[in-house]
Amino acid sequence: MPYAVLVDDNLESSETLSILLEMEGYETAMAASLKDARARIAERVPDVMVLDRTLPDGHGMDFIAEALSHGPITIVLLTGLSDPADAKEALRRGAAAYLVKPATIDELKAVLDKAAQKV
């Protein structure tokens, strides 16, 4: 079963996404900060990380390289900010996708399915 860590300080968003991903066959864990995300990765390196851009203790964009240093993780930056330059930068740093909230489960699933085909 693939494992996803959802990093967002909006608990409601994380809970909704967790339910949707679990319906798609994922095991999920939530993290409300980068500190929490580091703890989740230390426990178990995820297959997927859905990462908010702005968190209470840092910028999700800056966390991409750190997360990827633990192994191959499909990282999706999920943010409320629609910024083409940010999207390009996220992909350059190693994110698989940059989705703007409210993204649908179908959009997220398409990214995850595409990443799974590369493995």
N, C-alpha and C. Protein backbone atom coordinates (compact mmCIF):
# COMPACT_ATOMS: atom_id res chain seq x y z
N MET A 1 0.85 -1.18 0.00
CA MET A 1 0.00 0.00 0.00
C MET A 1 0.89 1.24 0.00
N PRO A 2 0.71 2.15 -0.96
CA PRO A 2 1.53 3.36 -0.98
C PRO A 2 1.23 4.25 0.22
N TYR A 3 2.25 4.95 0.66
CA TYR A 3 2.18 5.80 1.85
C TYR A 3 2.35 7.26 1.46
N ALA A 4 1.42 8.10 1.91
CA ALA A 4 1.45 9.53 1.59
C ALA A 4 1.49 10.36 2.87
N VAL A 5 2.34 11.37 2.89
CA VAL A 5 2.36 12.34 3.99
C VAL A 5 1.78 13.64 3.45
N LEU A 6 0.80 14.17 4.16
CA LEU A 6 0.10 15.39 3.77
C LEU A 6 0.56 16.51 4.69
N VAL A 7 1.26 17.49 4.13
CA VAL A 7 1.86 18.55 4.93
C VAL A 7 1.08 19.85 4.66
N ASP A 8 0.23 20.21 5.61
CA ASP A 8 -0.59 21.42 5.47
C ASP A 8 -1.02 21.86 6.86
N ASP A 9 -0.93 23.15 7.14
CA ASP A 9 -1.35 23.64 8.45
C ASP A 9 -2.86 23.82 8.54
N ASN A 10 -3.56 23.59 7.44
CA ASN A 10 -5.03 23.62 7.45
C ASN A 10 -5.52 22.19 7.67
N LEU A 11 -5.90 21.90 8.90
CA LEU A 11 -6.30 20.54 9.28
C LEU A 11 -7.47 20.03 8.45
N GLU A 12 -8.42 20.88 8.17
CA GLU A 12 -9.59 20.46 7.39
C GLU A 12 -9.17 20.00 6.00
N SER A 13 -8.28 20.75 5.36
CA SER A 13 -7.79 20.35 4.03
C SER A 13 -7.09 19.00 4.08
N SER A 14 -6.23 18.83 5.09
CA SER A 14 -5.50 17.57 5.23
C SER A 14 -6.43 16.39 5.48
N GLU A 15 -7.42 16.60 6.33
CA GLU A 15 -8.36 15.51 6.63
C GLU A 15 -9.15 15.10 5.40
N THR A 16 -9.61 16.09 4.64
CA THR A 16 -10.36 15.79 3.42
C THR A 16 -9.49 15.04 2.42
N LEU A 17 -8.28 15.53 2.20
CA LEU A 17 -7.37 14.87 1.28
C LEU A 17 -7.00 13.47 1.76
N SER A 18 -6.83 13.31 3.06
CA SER A 18 -6.52 12.00 3.62
C SER A 18 -7.63 11.00 3.30
N ILE A 19 -8.86 11.40 3.50
CA ILE A 19 -10.00 10.51 3.22
C ILE A 19 -10.02 10.13 1.75
N LEU A 20 -9.83 11.12 0.88
CA LEU A 20 -9.86 10.85 -0.56
C LEU A 20 -8.73 9.92 -1.00
N LEU A 21 -7.54 10.14 -0.47
CA LEU A 21 -6.42 9.27 -0.84
C LEU A 21 -6.59 7.86 -0.27
N GLU A 22 -7.13 7.77 0.93
CA GLU A 22 -7.37 6.44 1.51
C GLU A 22 -8.39 5.67 0.67
N MET A 23 -9.36 6.37 0.10
CA MET A 23 -10.32 5.73 -0.80
C MET A 23 -9.65 5.23 -2.08
N GLU A 24 -8.50 5.83 -2.42
CA GLU A 24 -7.73 5.42 -3.60
C GLU A 24 -6.68 4.37 -3.26
N GLY A 25 -6.64 3.92 -2.00
CA GLY A 25 -5.72 2.85 -1.62
C GLY A 25 -4.44 3.29 -0.95
N TYR A 26 -4.35 4.55 -0.54
CA TYR A 26 -3.16 5.06 0.13
C TYR A 26 -3.31 4.98 1.64
N GLU A 27 -2.21 4.74 2.30
CA GLU A 27 -2.11 4.93 3.75
C GLU A 27 -1.60 6.36 3.91
N THR A 28 -2.17 7.12 4.84
CA THR A 28 -1.79 8.52 4.96
C THR A 28 -1.38 8.89 6.38
N ALA A 29 -0.58 9.95 6.45
CA ALA A 29 -0.22 10.57 7.72
C ALA A 29 -0.25 12.07 7.48
N MET A 30 -0.59 12.83 8.50
CA MET A 30 -0.68 14.28 8.36
C MET A 30 0.43 14.96 9.15
N ALA A 31 0.84 16.11 8.64
CA ALA A 31 1.83 16.94 9.31
C ALA A 31 1.39 18.40 9.14
N ALA A 32 1.39 19.16 10.23
CA ALA A 32 0.92 20.55 10.19
C ALA A 32 2.07 21.55 10.03
N SER A 33 3.30 21.05 9.98
CA SER A 33 4.47 21.93 9.87
C SER A 33 5.62 21.15 9.25
N LEU A 34 6.68 21.86 8.93
CA LEU A 34 7.87 21.17 8.40
C LEU A 34 8.50 20.30 9.48
N LYS A 35 8.45 20.77 10.71
CA LYS A 35 8.97 19.96 11.82
C LYS A 35 8.23 18.62 11.89
N ASP A 36 6.90 18.68 11.78
CA ASP A 36 6.10 17.45 11.79
C ASP A 36 6.42 16.58 10.57
N ALA A 37 6.63 17.22 9.42
CA ALA A 37 6.96 16.47 8.20
C ALA A 37 8.28 15.72 8.37
N ARG A 38 9.26 16.38 8.98
CA ARG A 38 10.55 15.72 9.23
C ARG A 38 10.36 14.49 10.12
N ALA A 39 9.50 14.62 11.12
CA ALA A 39 9.23 13.49 12.03
C ALA A 39 8.57 12.34 11.28
N ARG A 40 7.62 12.65 10.39
CA ARG A 40 6.95 11.59 9.62
C ARG A 40 7.96 10.88 8.71
N ILE A 41 8.84 11.65 8.07
CA ILE A 41 9.85 11.05 7.19
C ILE A 41 10.81 10.19 7.99
N ALA A 42 11.16 10.62 9.20
CA ALA A 42 12.07 9.84 10.05
C ALA A 42 11.44 8.51 10.43
N GLU A 43 10.11 8.51 10.62
CA GLU A 43 9.40 7.27 10.97
C GLU A 43 9.33 6.33 9.78
N ARG A 44 9.05 6.91 8.60
CA ARG A 44 8.88 6.11 7.39
C ARG A 44 8.93 7.06 6.18
N VAL A 45 9.80 6.77 5.26
CA VAL A 45 9.90 7.60 4.06
C VAL A 45 8.66 7.35 3.19
N PRO A 46 7.94 8.41 2.87
CA PRO A 46 6.71 8.22 2.09
C PRO A 46 6.99 8.00 0.61
N ASP A 47 6.01 7.43 -0.05
CA ASP A 47 6.05 7.32 -1.51
C ASP A 47 5.63 8.65 -2.13
N VAL A 48 4.72 9.33 -1.42
CA VAL A 48 4.13 10.58 -1.90
C VAL A 48 4.12 11.59 -0.77
N MET A 49 4.39 12.86 -1.12
CA MET A 49 4.24 13.94 -0.16
C MET A 49 3.45 15.05 -0.85
N VAL A 50 2.33 15.42 -0.26
CA VAL A 50 1.56 16.56 -0.73
C VAL A 50 1.90 17.69 0.22
N LEU A 51 2.51 18.73 -0.33
CA LEU A 51 3.17 19.75 0.47
C LEU A 51 2.59 21.13 0.18
N ASP A 52 2.13 21.81 1.22
CA ASP A 52 1.65 23.17 1.07
C ASP A 52 2.86 24.08 0.87
N ARG A 53 2.64 25.19 0.21
CA ARG A 53 3.73 26.13 -0.07
C ARG A 53 4.10 26.93 1.17
N THR A 54 3.10 27.39 1.92
CA THR A 54 3.36 28.25 3.07
C THR A 54 2.96 27.53 4.34
N LEU A 55 3.94 27.34 5.22
CA LEU A 55 3.72 26.63 6.48
C LEU A 55 4.20 27.51 7.64
N PRO A 56 3.76 27.24 8.85
CA PRO A 56 4.10 28.11 9.97
C PRO A 56 5.60 28.21 10.25
N ASP A 57 6.36 27.19 9.89
CA ASP A 57 7.79 27.19 10.21
C ASP A 57 8.68 27.16 8.97
N GLY A 58 8.13 27.55 7.84
CA GLY A 58 8.97 27.61 6.65
C GLY A 58 8.18 27.55 5.37
N HIS A 59 8.92 27.47 4.30
CA HIS A 59 8.36 27.48 2.95
C HIS A 59 8.48 26.07 2.37
N GLY A 60 7.36 25.53 1.91
CA GLY A 60 7.35 24.20 1.34
C GLY A 60 8.34 24.05 0.19
N MET A 61 8.48 25.10 -0.60
CA MET A 61 9.40 25.05 -1.73
C MET A 61 10.82 24.75 -1.26
N ASP A 62 11.21 25.34 -0.14
CA ASP A 62 12.56 25.12 0.39
C ASP A 62 12.74 23.72 0.98
N PHE A 63 11.65 23.03 1.24
CA PHE A 63 11.70 21.70 1.86
C PHE A 63 11.83 20.57 0.83
N ILE A 64 11.58 20.88 -0.43
CA ILE A 64 11.58 19.84 -1.46
C ILE A 64 12.90 19.07 -1.49
N ALA A 65 14.02 19.77 -1.56
CA ALA A 65 15.33 19.09 -1.64
C ALA A 65 15.60 18.26 -0.40
N GLU A 66 15.25 18.80 0.76
CA GLU A 66 15.46 18.05 2.00
C GLU A 66 14.66 16.75 1.99
N ALA A 67 13.41 16.83 1.58
CA ALA A 67 12.58 15.62 1.54
C ALA A 67 13.15 14.61 0.54
N LEU A 68 13.55 15.08 -0.62
CA LEU A 68 14.08 14.18 -1.65
C LEU A 68 15.42 13.55 -1.26
N SER A 69 16.12 14.15 -0.31
CA SER A 69 17.39 13.57 0.14
C SER A 69 17.18 12.25 0.87
N HIS A 70 15.95 11.94 1.23
CA HIS A 70 15.63 10.70 1.94
C HIS A 70 15.28 9.55 0.99
N GLY A 71 15.16 9.86 -0.29
CA GLY A 71 14.82 8.82 -1.26
C GLY A 71 13.85 9.35 -2.29
N PRO A 72 13.45 8.48 -3.20
CA PRO A 72 12.53 8.92 -4.26
C PRO A 72 11.11 9.11 -3.70
N ILE A 73 10.70 10.35 -3.60
CA ILE A 73 9.37 10.71 -3.11
C ILE A 73 8.69 11.52 -4.21
N THR A 74 7.48 11.16 -4.55
CA THR A 74 6.70 11.98 -5.47
C THR A 74 6.14 13.15 -4.67
N ILE A 75 6.64 14.35 -4.95
CA ILE A 75 6.22 15.53 -4.20
C ILE A 75 5.30 16.38 -5.06
N VAL A 76 4.14 16.67 -4.49
CA VAL A 76 3.18 17.55 -5.14
C VAL A 76 3.04 18.79 -4.27
N LEU A 77 3.39 19.93 -4.82
CA LEU A 77 3.17 21.19 -4.11
C LEU A 77 1.71 21.57 -4.36
N LEU A 78 0.95 21.69 -3.30
CA LEU A 78 -0.48 22.02 -3.38
C LEU A 78 -0.67 23.34 -2.64
N THR A 79 -1.02 24.39 -3.37
CA THR A 79 -1.03 25.72 -2.80
C THR A 79 -2.23 26.53 -3.27
N GLY A 80 -2.54 27.55 -2.52
CA GLY A 80 -3.60 28.46 -2.90
C GLY A 80 -3.10 29.55 -3.84
N LEU A 81 -1.81 29.58 -4.12
CA LEU A 81 -1.23 30.63 -4.95
C LEU A 81 -0.99 30.15 -6.37
N SER A 82 -1.62 30.80 -7.31
CA SER A 82 -1.44 30.48 -8.72
C SER A 82 -0.36 31.39 -9.28
N ASP A 83 0.86 30.88 -9.32
CA ASP A 83 2.00 31.68 -9.78
C ASP A 83 2.84 30.82 -10.73
N PRO A 84 2.80 31.12 -12.03
CA PRO A 84 3.55 30.31 -12.99
C PRO A 84 5.05 30.24 -12.69
N ALA A 85 5.63 31.32 -12.18
CA ALA A 85 7.07 31.29 -11.84
C ALA A 85 7.33 30.34 -10.68
N ASP A 86 6.44 30.34 -9.69
CA ASP A 86 6.54 29.42 -8.56
C ASP A 86 6.41 27.97 -9.04
N ALA A 87 5.46 27.74 -9.92
CA ALA A 87 5.25 26.39 -10.44
C ALA A 87 6.50 25.89 -11.15
N LYS A 88 7.08 26.74 -11.96
CA LYS A 88 8.30 26.37 -12.69
C LYS A 88 9.44 26.08 -11.72
N GLU A 89 9.55 26.89 -10.68
CA GLU A 89 10.61 26.70 -9.68
C GLU A 89 10.40 25.40 -8.91
N ALA A 90 9.16 25.09 -8.55
CA ALA A 90 8.88 23.84 -7.83
C ALA A 90 9.30 22.63 -8.66
N LEU A 91 8.99 22.65 -9.93
CA LEU A 91 9.38 21.54 -10.81
C LEU A 91 10.89 21.46 -10.96
N ARG A 92 11.55 22.62 -11.06
CA ARG A 92 13.01 22.65 -11.17
C ARG A 92 13.65 22.03 -9.93
N ARG A 93 13.03 22.25 -8.78
CA ARG A 93 13.58 21.74 -7.52
C ARG A 93 13.28 20.25 -7.29
N GLY A 94 12.44 19.68 -8.14
CA GLY A 94 12.20 18.24 -8.04
C GLY A 94 10.77 17.83 -7.74
N ALA A 95 9.86 18.78 -7.60
CA ALA A 95 8.46 18.41 -7.38
C ALA A 95 7.92 17.77 -8.66
N ALA A 96 7.01 16.83 -8.49
CA ALA A 96 6.38 16.17 -9.64
C ALA A 96 5.30 17.05 -10.24
N ALA A 97 4.71 17.92 -9.40
CA ALA A 97 3.63 18.78 -9.89
C ALA A 97 3.41 19.94 -8.93
N TYR A 98 2.75 20.95 -9.47
CA TYR A 98 2.36 22.15 -8.71
C TYR A 98 0.88 22.31 -8.99
N LEU A 99 0.04 22.03 -7.99
CA LEU A 99 -1.40 22.14 -8.15
C LEU A 99 -1.93 23.28 -7.31
N VAL A 100 -2.93 23.96 -7.83
CA VAL A 100 -3.53 25.09 -7.13
C VAL A 100 -4.84 24.64 -6.48
N LYS A 101 -4.98 25.00 -5.20
CA LYS A 101 -6.21 24.69 -4.45
C LYS A 101 -7.35 25.51 -5.03
N PRO A 102 -8.53 24.97 -5.10
CA PRO A 102 -8.87 23.61 -4.72
C PRO A 102 -8.66 22.65 -5.89
N ALA A 103 -7.66 21.82 -5.79
CA ALA A 103 -7.40 20.80 -6.80
C ALA A 103 -8.36 19.63 -6.54
N THR A 104 -8.72 18.95 -7.60
CA THR A 104 -9.60 17.80 -7.45
C THR A 104 -8.78 16.54 -7.20
N ILE A 105 -9.43 15.54 -6.67
CA ILE A 105 -8.76 14.26 -6.46
C ILE A 105 -8.32 13.68 -7.81
N ASP A 106 -9.08 13.94 -8.86
CA ASP A 106 -8.71 13.44 -10.19
C ASP A 106 -7.41 14.08 -10.67
N GLU A 107 -7.22 15.38 -10.41
CA GLU A 107 -5.97 16.04 -10.79
C GLU A 107 -4.79 15.44 -10.03
N LEU A 108 -4.97 15.26 -8.73
CA LEU A 108 -3.91 14.68 -7.91
C LEU A 108 -3.63 13.24 -8.33
N LYS A 109 -4.68 12.48 -8.54
CA LYS A 109 -4.51 11.08 -8.93
C LYS A 109 -3.78 10.97 -10.27
N ALA A 110 -4.06 11.88 -11.21
CA ALA A 110 -3.37 11.86 -12.50
C ALA A 110 -1.87 12.05 -12.31
N VAL A 111 -1.48 12.96 -11.42
CA VAL A 111 -0.06 13.19 -11.14
C VAL A 111 0.56 11.95 -10.52
N LEU A 112 -0.14 11.36 -9.55
CA LEU A 112 0.40 10.18 -8.86
C LEU A 112 0.49 8.98 -9.80
N ASP A 113 -0.52 8.81 -10.65
CA ASP A 113 -0.48 7.71 -11.63
C ASP A 113 0.68 7.88 -12.60
N LYS A 114 0.91 9.11 -13.05
CA LYS A 114 2.01 9.39 -13.97
C LYS A 114 3.35 9.10 -13.29
N ALA A 115 3.49 9.51 -12.06
CA ALA A 115 4.74 9.25 -11.32
C ALA A 115 4.95 7.76 -11.11
N ALA A 116 3.88 7.02 -10.84
CA ALA A 116 3.99 5.57 -10.61
C ALA A 116 4.45 4.86 -11.87
N GLN A 117 4.09 5.36 -13.04
CA GLN A 117 4.50 4.75 -14.30
C GLN A 117 6.00 4.91 -14.54
N LYS A 118 6.61 5.93 -13.95
CA LYS A 118 8.05 6.17 -14.13
C LYS A 118 8.89 5.24 -13.28
N VAL A 119 8.29 4.64 -12.25
CA VAL A 119 9.04 3.78 -11.34
C VAL A 119 9.25 2.42 -11.93
